[in-house]
Amino acid sequence: MQQAVPESSVSLTTPIIVLVIGFIAATTIGSVAWYNSKRPPGWESKERPDFVPKVDKDDLIADVSDSKKK
């Protein structure tokens, strides 16, 4: 006397995909932020990898002030 369970109610693929994409996004954003921050002691002489974009604080401040004027 077993009832058939719809396959869609058992599927966990969507939550797993969302978690994987979220982990990759968090890792990428965290890496960019870390490489653009002040270097911790012992890392001052290390160079920035080529794939990490340079983010300048002055550009961020200018973008915020421009958006407030609109």
PDB file of N, CA and C in Angstrom:
ATOM      1  N   MET A   1       0.808  -1.187   0.000  1.00  0.00           N
ATOM      2  CA  MET A   1       0.000   0.000   0.000  1.00  0.00           C
ATOM      3  C   MET A   1       0.855   1.257   0.000  1.00  0.00           C
ATOM      4  N   GLN A   2       1.751   1.358  -0.891  1.00  0.00           N
ATOM      5  CA  GLN A   2       2.572   2.554  -1.000  1.00  0.00           C
ATOM      6  C   GLN A   2       1.942   3.509  -1.988  1.00  0.00           C
ATOM      7  N   GLN A   3       2.001   4.790  -1.632  1.00  0.00           N
ATOM      8  CA  GLN A   3       1.486   5.802  -2.538  1.00  0.00           C
ATOM      9  C   GLN A   3       2.629   6.333  -3.388  1.00  0.00           C
ATOM     10  N   ALA A   4       2.292   6.656  -4.609  1.00  0.00           N
ATOM     11  CA  ALA A   4       3.298   7.227  -5.503  1.00  0.00           C
ATOM     12  C   ALA A   4       3.535   8.686  -5.120  1.00  0.00           C
ATOM     13  N   VAL A   5       4.802   9.029  -4.940  1.00  0.00           N
ATOM     14  CA  VAL A   5       5.167  10.398  -4.601  1.00  0.00           C
ATOM     15  C   VAL A   5       5.592  11.092  -5.882  1.00  0.00           C
ATOM     16  N   PRO A   6       5.016  12.274  -6.161  1.00  0.00           N
ATOM     17  CA  PRO A   6       5.432  12.990  -7.374  1.00  0.00           C
ATOM     18  C   PRO A   6       6.942  13.277  -7.343  1.00  0.00           C
ATOM     19  N   GLU A   7       7.555  13.102  -8.467  1.00  0.00           N
ATOM     20  CA  GLU A   7       9.010  13.257  -8.549  1.00  0.00           C
ATOM     21  C   GLU A   7       9.456  14.687  -8.243  1.00  0.00           C
ATOM     22  N   SER A   8       8.643  15.679  -8.584  1.00  0.00           N
ATOM     23  CA  SER A   8       9.033  17.071  -8.377  1.00  0.00           C
ATOM     24  C   SER A   8       9.107  17.432  -6.895  1.00  0.00           C
ATOM     25  N   SER A   9       8.352  16.762  -6.026  1.00  0.00           N
ATOM     26  CA  SER A   9       8.398  17.102  -4.611  1.00  0.00           C
ATOM     27  C   SER A   9       9.648  16.540  -3.922  1.00  0.00           C
ATOM     28  N   VAL A  10      10.298  15.563  -4.516  1.00  0.00           N
ATOM     29  CA  VAL A  10      11.481  14.950  -3.927  1.00  0.00           C
ATOM     30  C   VAL A  10      12.767  15.584  -4.458  1.00  0.00           C
ATOM     31  N   SER A  11      12.682  16.289  -5.553  1.00  0.00           N
ATOM     32  CA  SER A  11      13.853  16.829  -6.222  1.00  0.00           C
ATOM     33  C   SER A  11      14.534  17.915  -5.383  1.00  0.00           C
ATOM     34  N   LEU A  12      15.815  17.774  -5.212  1.00  0.00           N
ATOM     35  CA  LEU A  12      16.609  18.757  -4.476  1.00  0.00           C
ATOM     36  C   LEU A  12      17.608  19.476  -5.373  1.00  0.00           C
ATOM     37  N   THR A  13      17.473  19.309  -6.666  1.00  0.00           N
ATOM     38  CA  THR A  13      18.469  19.892  -7.558  1.00  0.00           C
ATOM     39  C   THR A  13      18.441  21.413  -7.546  1.00  0.00           C
ATOM     40  N   THR A  14      17.265  22.026  -7.477  1.00  0.00           N
ATOM     41  CA  THR A  14      17.194  23.490  -7.498  1.00  0.00           C
ATOM     42  C   THR A  14      17.882  24.107  -6.284  1.00  0.00           C
ATOM     43  N   PRO A  15      17.593  23.667  -5.060  1.00  0.00           N
ATOM     44  CA  PRO A  15      18.313  24.259  -3.918  1.00  0.00           C
ATOM     45  C   PRO A  15      19.818  24.017  -3.962  1.00  0.00           C
ATOM     46  N   ILE A  16      20.226  22.877  -4.443  1.00  0.00           N
ATOM     47  CA  ILE A  16      21.659  22.582  -4.528  1.00  0.00           C
ATOM     48  C   ILE A  16      22.327  23.495  -5.546  1.00  0.00           C
ATOM     49  N   ILE A  17      21.680  23.711  -6.689  1.00  0.00           N
ATOM     50  CA  ILE A  17      22.232  24.608  -7.711  1.00  0.00           C
ATOM     51  C   ILE A  17      22.333  26.029  -7.167  1.00  0.00           C
ATOM     52  N   VAL A  18      21.312  26.484  -6.444  1.00  0.00           N
ATOM     53  CA  VAL A  18      21.336  27.834  -5.864  1.00  0.00           C
ATOM     54  C   VAL A  18      22.478  27.962  -4.856  1.00  0.00           C
ATOM     55  N   LEU A  19      22.691  26.943  -4.036  1.00  0.00           N
ATOM     56  CA  LEU A  19      23.788  26.984  -3.065  1.00  0.00           C
ATOM     57  C   LEU A  19      25.151  27.012  -3.742  1.00  0.00           C
ATOM     58  N   VAL A  20      25.314  26.229  -4.784  1.00  0.00           N
ATOM     59  CA  VAL A  20      26.591  26.190  -5.498  1.00  0.00           C
ATOM     60  C   VAL A  20      26.879  27.541  -6.157  1.00  0.00           C
ATOM     61  N   ILE A  21      25.877  28.110  -6.829  1.00  0.00           N
ATOM     62  CA  ILE A  21      26.064  29.412  -7.482  1.00  0.00           C
ATOM     63  C   ILE A  21      26.343  30.498  -6.436  1.00  0.00           C
ATOM     64  N   GLY A  22      25.647  30.450  -5.309  1.00  0.00           N
ATOM     65  CA  GLY A  22      25.885  31.421  -4.236  1.00  0.00           C
ATOM     66  C   GLY A  22      27.278  31.307  -3.654  1.00  0.00           C
ATOM     67  N   PHE A  23      27.759  30.073  -3.480  1.00  0.00           N
ATOM     68  CA  PHE A  23      29.106  29.877  -2.957  1.00  0.00           C
ATOM     69  C   PHE A  23      30.154  30.426  -3.921  1.00  0.00           C
ATOM     70  N   ILE A  24      29.972  30.157  -5.209  1.00  0.00           N
ATOM     71  CA  ILE A  24      30.921  30.657  -6.207  1.00  0.00           C
ATOM     72  C   ILE A  24      30.906  32.179  -6.233  1.00  0.00           C
ATOM     73  N   ALA A  25      29.715  32.785  -6.180  1.00  0.00           N
ATOM     74  CA  ALA A  25      29.619  34.250  -6.185  1.00  0.00           C
ATOM     75  C   ALA A  25      30.272  34.841  -4.936  1.00  0.00           C
ATOM     76  N   ALA A  26      30.011  34.265  -3.779  1.00  0.00           N
ATOM     77  CA  ALA A  26      30.591  34.784  -2.538  1.00  0.00           C
ATOM     78  C   ALA A  26      32.109  34.659  -2.540  1.00  0.00           C
ATOM     79  N   THR A  27      32.612  33.557  -3.048  1.00  0.00           N
ATOM     80  CA  THR A  27      34.061  33.363  -3.123  1.00  0.00           C
ATOM     81  C   THR A  27      34.701  34.372  -4.071  1.00  0.00           C
ATOM     82  N   THR A  28      34.073  34.593  -5.211  1.00  0.00           N
ATOM     83  CA  THR A  28      34.608  35.548  -6.193  1.00  0.00           C
ATOM     84  C   THR A  28      34.598  36.966  -5.639  1.00  0.00           C
ATOM     85  N   ILE A  29      33.477  37.391  -5.084  1.00  0.00           N
ATOM     86  CA  ILE A  29      33.368  38.746  -4.546  1.00  0.00           C
ATOM     87  C   ILE A  29      34.326  38.926  -3.363  1.00  0.00           C
ATOM     88  N   GLY A  30      34.433  37.932  -2.516  1.00  0.00           N
ATOM     89  CA  GLY A  30      35.360  38.016  -1.389  1.00  0.00           C
ATOM     90  C   GLY A  30      36.808  38.091  -1.827  1.00  0.00           C
ATOM     91  N   SER A  31      37.163  37.357  -2.876  1.00  0.00           N
ATOM     92  CA  SER A  31      38.535  37.399  -3.386  1.00  0.00           C
ATOM     93  C   SER A  31      38.871  38.768  -3.952  1.00  0.00           C
ATOM     94  N   VAL A  32      37.956  39.340  -4.719  1.00  0.00           N
ATOM     95  CA  VAL A  32      38.187  40.679  -5.278  1.00  0.00           C
ATOM     96  C   VAL A  32      38.326  41.688  -4.151  1.00  0.00           C
ATOM     97  N   ALA A  33      37.480  41.617  -3.143  1.00  0.00           N
ATOM     98  CA  ALA A  33      37.557  42.554  -2.016  1.00  0.00           C
ATOM     99  C   ALA A  33      38.860  42.384  -1.244  1.00  0.00           C
ATOM    100  N   TRP A  34      39.293  41.139  -1.043  1.00  0.00           N
ATOM    101  CA  TRP A  34      40.520  40.911  -0.294  1.00  0.00           C
ATOM    102  C   TRP A  34      41.733  41.443  -1.048  1.00  0.00           C
ATOM    103  N   TYR A  35      41.777  41.180  -2.359  1.00  0.00           N
ATOM    104  CA  TYR A  35      42.927  41.640  -3.135  1.00  0.00           C
ATOM    105  C   TYR A  35      42.956  43.154  -3.264  1.00  0.00           C
ATOM    106  N   ASN A  36      41.809  43.813  -3.155  1.00  0.00           N
ATOM    107  CA  ASN A  36      41.766  45.267  -3.253  1.00  0.00           C
ATOM    108  C   ASN A  36      41.915  45.953  -1.898  1.00  0.00           C
ATOM    109  N   SER A  37      41.940  45.191  -0.827  1.00  0.00           N
ATOM    110  CA  SER A  37      42.088  45.778   0.501  1.00  0.00           C
ATOM    111  C   SER A  37      43.571  45.989   0.815  1.00  0.00           C
ATOM    112  N   LYS A  38      43.809  46.626   1.947  1.00  0.00           N
ATOM    113  CA  LYS A  38      45.182  46.802   2.415  1.00  0.00           C
ATOM    114  C   LYS A  38      45.755  45.426   2.741  1.00  0.00           C
ATOM    115  N   ARG A  39      46.962  45.195   2.347  1.00  0.00           N
ATOM    116  CA  ARG A  39      47.584  43.890   2.549  1.00  0.00           C
ATOM    117  C   ARG A  39      47.880  43.654   4.031  1.00  0.00           C
ATOM    118  N   PRO A  40      47.608  42.471   4.523  1.00  0.00           N
ATOM    119  CA  PRO A  40      47.956  42.144   5.907  1.00  0.00           C
ATOM    120  C   PRO A  40      49.473  42.007   6.058  1.00  0.00           C
ATOM    121  N   PRO A  41      49.976  42.054   7.295  1.00  0.00           N
ATOM    122  CA  PRO A  41      51.424  41.922   7.505  1.00  0.00           C
ATOM    123  C   PRO A  41      51.973  40.651   6.848  1.00  0.00           C
ATOM    124  N   GLY A  42      53.043  40.823   6.107  1.00  0.00           N
ATOM    125  CA  GLY A  42      53.671  39.700   5.425  1.00  0.00           C
ATOM    126  C   GLY A  42      53.248  39.560   3.972  1.00  0.00           C
ATOM    127  N   TRP A  43      52.174  40.236   3.580  1.00  0.00           N
ATOM    128  CA  TRP A  43      51.668  40.144   2.203  1.00  0.00           C
ATOM    129  C   TRP A  43      51.892  41.444   1.418  1.00  0.00           C
ATOM    130  N   GLU A  44      52.594  42.412   1.994  1.00  0.00           N
ATOM    131  CA  GLU A  44      52.763  43.709   1.342  1.00  0.00           C
ATOM    132  C   GLU A  44      53.452  43.610  -0.013  1.00  0.00           C
ATOM    133  N   SER A  45      54.389  42.689  -0.153  1.00  0.00           N
ATOM    134  CA  SER A  45      55.168  42.601  -1.389  1.00  0.00           C
ATOM    135  C   SER A  45      54.517  41.719  -2.444  1.00  0.00           C
ATOM    136  N   LYS A  46      53.414  41.077  -2.128  1.00  0.00           N
ATOM    137  CA  LYS A  46      52.747  40.194  -3.096  1.00  0.00           C
ATOM    138  C   LYS A  46      52.030  41.027  -4.149  1.00  0.00           C
ATOM    139  N   GLU A  47      52.042  40.548  -5.378  1.00  0.00           N
ATOM    140  CA  GLU A  47      51.390  41.271  -6.464  1.00  0.00           C
ATOM    141  C   GLU A  47      49.962  40.791  -6.663  1.00  0.00           C
ATOM    142  N   ARG A  48      49.141  41.677  -7.197  1.00  0.00           N
ATOM    143  CA  ARG A  48      47.752  41.369  -7.493  1.00  0.00           C
ATOM    144  C   ARG A  48      47.692  40.462  -8.721  1.00  0.00           C
ATOM    145  N   PRO A  49      46.875  39.395  -8.688  1.00  0.00           N
ATOM    146  CA  PRO A  49      46.725  38.546  -9.876  1.00  0.00           C
ATOM    147  C   PRO A  49      46.120  39.328 -11.036  1.00  0.00           C
ATOM    148  N   ASP A  50      46.398  38.914 -12.248  1.00  0.00           N
ATOM    149  CA  ASP A  50      45.925  39.626 -13.435  1.00  0.00           C
ATOM    150  C   ASP A  50      44.407  39.621 -13.566  1.00  0.00           C
ATOM    151  N   PHE A  51      43.736  38.589 -13.062  1.00  0.00           N
ATOM    152  CA  PHE A  51      42.298  38.476 -13.265  1.00  0.00           C
ATOM    153  C   PHE A  51      41.476  39.294 -12.258  1.00  0.00           C
ATOM    154  N   VAL A  52      42.131  39.895 -11.255  1.00  0.00           N
ATOM    155  CA  VAL A  52      41.416  40.696 -10.259  1.00  0.00           C
ATOM    156  C   VAL A  52      41.410  42.145 -10.722  1.00  0.00           C
ATOM    157  N   PRO A  53      40.210  42.742 -10.873  1.00  0.00           N
ATOM    158  CA  PRO A  53      40.152  44.130 -11.343  1.00  0.00           C
ATOM    159  C   PRO A  53      40.605  45.107 -10.261  1.00  0.00           C
ATOM    160  N   LYS A  54      41.184  46.219 -10.680  1.00  0.00           N
ATOM    161  CA  LYS A  54      41.621  47.261  -9.759  1.00  0.00           C
ATOM    162  C   LYS A  54      40.422  48.152  -9.448  1.00  0.00           C
ATOM    163  N   VAL A  55      40.084  48.276  -8.180  1.00  0.00           N
ATOM    164  CA  VAL A  55      38.985  49.128  -7.745  1.00  0.00           C
ATOM    165  C   VAL A  55      39.585  50.273  -6.950  1.00  0.00           C
ATOM    166  N   ASP A  56      39.343  51.504  -7.402  1.00  0.00           N
ATOM    167  CA  ASP A  56      39.903  52.672  -6.755  1.00  0.00           C
ATOM    168  C   ASP A  56      38.824  53.331  -5.887  1.00  0.00           C
ATOM    169  N   LYS A  57      39.177  53.711  -4.663  1.00  0.00           N
ATOM    170  CA  LYS A  57      38.211  54.323  -3.748  1.00  0.00           C
ATOM    171  C   LYS A  57      37.677  55.634  -4.301  1.00  0.00           C
ATOM    172  N   ASP A  58      38.520  56.405  -4.981  1.00  0.00           N
ATOM    173  CA  ASP A  58      38.073  57.687  -5.534  1.00  0.00           C
ATOM    174  C   ASP A  58      36.985  57.490  -6.588  1.00  0.00           C
ATOM    175  N   ASP A  59      37.103  56.438  -7.385  1.00  0.00           N
ATOM    176  CA  ASP A  59      36.080  56.150  -8.390  1.00  0.00           C
ATOM    177  C   ASP A  59      34.756  55.801  -7.724  1.00  0.00           C
ATOM    178  N   LEU A  60      34.816  55.037  -6.646  1.00  0.00           N
ATOM    179  CA  LEU A  60      33.590  54.663  -5.935  1.00  0.00           C
ATOM    180  C   LEU A  60      32.915  55.878  -5.323  1.00  0.00           C
ATOM    181  N   ILE A  61      33.709  56.770  -4.740  1.00  0.00           N
ATOM    182  CA  ILE A  61      33.155  57.972  -4.118  1.00  0.00           C
ATOM    183  C   ILE A  61      32.546  58.869  -5.185  1.00  0.00           C
ATOM    184  N   ALA A  62      33.200  58.997  -6.335  1.00  0.00           N
ATOM    185  CA  ALA A  62      32.676  59.819  -7.418  1.00  0.00           C
ATOM    186  C   ALA A  62      31.368  59.240  -7.954  1.00  0.00           C
ATOM    187  N   ASP A  63      31.285  57.917  -8.071  1.00  0.00           N
ATOM    188  CA  ASP A  63      30.064  57.285  -8.559  1.00  0.00           C
ATOM    189  C   ASP A  63      28.902  57.516  -7.607  1.00  0.00           C
ATOM    190  N   VAL A  64      29.150  57.461  -6.317  1.00  0.00           N
ATOM    191  CA  VAL A  64      28.090  57.673  -5.332  1.00  0.00           C
ATOM    192  C   VAL A  64      27.618  59.108  -5.362  1.00  0.00           C
ATOM    193  N   SER A  65      28.546  60.058  -5.418  1.00  0.00           N
ATOM    194  CA  SER A  65      28.157  61.467  -5.424  1.00  0.00           C
ATOM    195  C   SER A  65      27.420  61.840  -6.715  1.00  0.00           C
ATOM    196  N   ASP A  66      27.797  61.223  -7.844  1.00  0.00           N
ATOM    197  CA  ASP A  66      27.092  61.453  -9.100  1.00  0.00           C
ATOM    198  C   ASP A  66      25.673  60.920  -9.047  1.00  0.00           C
ATOM    199  N   SER A  67      25.481  59.782  -8.427  1.00  0.00           N
ATOM    200  CA  SER A  67      24.155  59.181  -8.357  1.00  0.00           C
ATOM    201  C   SER A  67      23.243  59.974  -7.412  1.00  0.00           C
ATOM    202  N   LYS A  68      23.811  60.626  -6.392  1.00  0.00           N
ATOM    203  CA  LYS A  68      23.008  61.435  -5.482  1.00  0.00           C
ATOM    204  C   LYS A  68      22.544  62.729  -6.134  1.00  0.00           C
ATOM    205  N   LYS A  69      23.309  63.254  -7.100  1.00  0.00           N
ATOM    206  CA  LYS A  69      22.950  64.490  -7.784  1.00  0.00           C
ATOM    207  C   LYS A  69      21.771  64.299  -8.720  1.00  0.00           C
ATOM    208  N   LYS A  70      21.563  63.083  -9.187  1.00  0.00           N
ATOM    209  CA  LYS A  70      20.484  62.839 -10.173  1.00  0.00           C
ATOM    210  C   LYS A  70      19.132  62.817  -9.557  1.00  0.00           C
TER     211      LYS A  70
END
